[in-house]
Amino acid sequence: MRLKLFVAATVFVAAPIVALAQKDDHPATQASKPTIEEVQKLVQTISNDKTKLQAYCELGKLQDQMQKAED
């Protein structure tokens, strides 16, 4: 369970980095890197909400199925 929460937090941290890496003519539209506190708050929000946690777990299962299909 902790691994899945770690993966979720990593995805939320990596998304803005990927967005910044993309070429964009408008620098004002680029997202700033989230802080540790923001990521912790997000993980806490997901882990406290049963619906969000279930959706996250289902995404993890889907990812596992995709990995098995790829192998």
C-alpha atoms as a PDB file:
ATOM      1  CA  MET A   1       0.000   0.000   0.000  1.00  0.00           C
ATOM      2  CA  ARG A   2       2.826   2.383   0.829  1.00  0.00           C
ATOM      3  CA  LEU A   3       4.440   1.609  -2.497  1.00  0.00           C
ATOM      4  CA  LYS A   4       1.284   2.617  -4.328  1.00  0.00           C
ATOM      5  CA  LEU A   5       1.071   5.884  -2.393  1.00  0.00           C
ATOM      6  CA  PHE A   6       4.711   6.549  -3.187  1.00  0.00           C
ATOM      7  CA  VAL A   7       4.052   5.923  -6.883  1.00  0.00           C
ATOM      8  CA  ALA A   8       1.079   8.293  -6.801  1.00  0.00           C
ATOM      9  CA  ALA A   9       3.150  11.007  -5.163  1.00  0.00           C
ATOM     10  CA  THR A  10       5.926  10.459  -7.685  1.00  0.00           C
ATOM     11  CA  VAL A  11       3.486  10.845 -10.567  1.00  0.00           C
ATOM     12  CA  PHE A  12       2.185  14.111  -9.149  1.00  0.00           C
ATOM     13  CA  VAL A  13       5.723  15.405  -8.686  1.00  0.00           C
ATOM     14  CA  ALA A  14       6.873  14.288 -12.138  1.00  0.00           C
ATOM     15  CA  ALA A  15       3.916  15.745 -14.045  1.00  0.00           C
ATOM     16  CA  PRO A  16       4.984  19.404 -13.656  1.00  0.00           C
ATOM     17  CA  ILE A  17       8.569  18.489 -14.500  1.00  0.00           C
ATOM     18  CA  VAL A  18       7.411  16.891 -17.741  1.00  0.00           C
ATOM     19  CA  ALA A  19       5.269  19.932 -18.453  1.00  0.00           C
ATOM     20  CA  LEU A  20       8.285  22.198 -17.946  1.00  0.00           C
ATOM     21  CA  ALA A  21      10.408  20.038 -20.225  1.00  0.00           C
ATOM     22  CA  GLN A  22       8.021  20.540 -23.110  1.00  0.00           C
ATOM     23  CA  LYS A  23       8.712  23.459 -25.401  1.00  0.00           C
ATOM     24  CA  ASP A  24       6.327  26.315 -24.823  1.00  0.00           C
ATOM     25  CA  ASP A  25       6.386  29.833 -26.197  1.00  0.00           C
ATOM     26  CA  HIS A  26       4.469  31.135 -23.179  1.00  0.00           C
ATOM     27  CA  PRO A  27       6.621  30.773 -20.061  1.00  0.00           C
ATOM     28  CA  ALA A  28       3.846  32.199 -17.860  1.00  0.00           C
ATOM     29  CA  THR A  29       1.692  29.107 -18.506  1.00  0.00           C
ATOM     30  CA  GLN A  30       4.266  26.657 -17.154  1.00  0.00           C
ATOM     31  CA  ALA A  31       3.448  24.994 -13.829  1.00  0.00           C
ATOM     32  CA  SER A  32       5.789  25.425 -10.906  1.00  0.00           C
ATOM     33  CA  LYS A  33       7.329  22.433  -9.156  1.00  0.00           C
ATOM     34  CA  PRO A  34       5.160  21.309  -6.217  1.00  0.00           C
ATOM     35  CA  THR A  35       6.649  21.534  -2.752  1.00  0.00           C
ATOM     36  CA  ILE A  36       7.136  18.581  -0.419  1.00  0.00           C
ATOM     37  CA  GLU A  37       4.268  19.883   1.718  1.00  0.00           C
ATOM     38  CA  GLU A  38       1.933  19.985  -1.292  1.00  0.00           C
ATOM     39  CA  VAL A  39       2.801  16.407  -2.233  1.00  0.00           C
ATOM     40  CA  GLN A  40       2.330  15.229   1.353  1.00  0.00           C
ATOM     41  CA  LYS A  41      -1.044  16.979   1.501  1.00  0.00           C
ATOM     42  CA  LEU A  42      -2.069  15.299  -1.758  1.00  0.00           C
ATOM     43  CA  VAL A  43      -1.051  11.840  -0.527  1.00  0.00           C
ATOM     44  CA  GLN A  44      -2.874  12.486   2.755  1.00  0.00           C
ATOM     45  CA  THR A  45      -5.999  13.551   0.852  1.00  0.00           C
ATOM     46  CA  ILE A  46      -5.951  10.413  -1.285  1.00  0.00           C
ATOM     47  CA  SER A  47      -5.313   8.107   1.650  1.00  0.00           C
ATOM     48  CA  ASN A  48      -8.113   9.674   3.745  1.00  0.00           C
ATOM     49  CA  ASP A  49     -10.791   9.483   1.022  1.00  0.00           C
ATOM     50  CA  LYS A  50     -11.984   5.915   0.454  1.00  0.00           C
ATOM     51  CA  THR A  51     -13.308   6.694  -3.031  1.00  0.00           C
ATOM     52  CA  LYS A  52     -10.038   8.266  -4.177  1.00  0.00           C
ATOM     53  CA  LEU A  53      -8.034   5.480  -2.582  1.00  0.00           C
ATOM     54  CA  GLN A  54     -10.130   2.844  -4.343  1.00  0.00           C
ATOM     55  CA  ALA A  55      -9.695   4.623  -7.685  1.00  0.00           C
ATOM     56  CA  TYR A  56      -5.945   4.798  -7.093  1.00  0.00           C
ATOM     57  CA  CYS A  57      -5.798   1.087  -6.254  1.00  0.00           C
ATOM     58  CA  GLU A  58      -7.788   0.234  -9.380  1.00  0.00           C
ATOM     59  CA  LEU A  59      -5.341   2.268 -11.453  1.00  0.00           C
ATOM     60  CA  GLY A  60      -2.506   0.310  -9.882  1.00  0.00           C
ATOM     61  CA  LYS A  61      -4.186  -2.973 -10.782  1.00  0.00           C
ATOM     62  CA  LEU A  62      -4.725  -1.753 -14.329  1.00  0.00           C
ATOM     63  CA  GLN A  63      -1.061  -0.809 -14.544  1.00  0.00           C
ATOM     64  CA  ASP A  64      -0.112  -4.304 -13.377  1.00  0.00           C
ATOM     65  CA  GLN A  65      -2.353  -5.851 -16.022  1.00  0.00           C
ATOM     66  CA  MET A  66      -0.800  -3.642 -18.705  1.00  0.00           C
ATOM     67  CA  GLN A  67       2.678  -4.667 -17.577  1.00  0.00           C
ATOM     68  CA  LYS A  68       1.745  -8.370 -17.713  1.00  0.00           C
ATOM     69  CA  ALA A  69       0.235  -7.908 -21.188  1.00  0.00           C
ATOM     70  CA  GLU A  70       3.385  -6.134 -22.359  1.00  0.00           C
ATOM     71  CA  ASP A  71       5.614  -8.920 -21.036  1.00  0.00           C
END
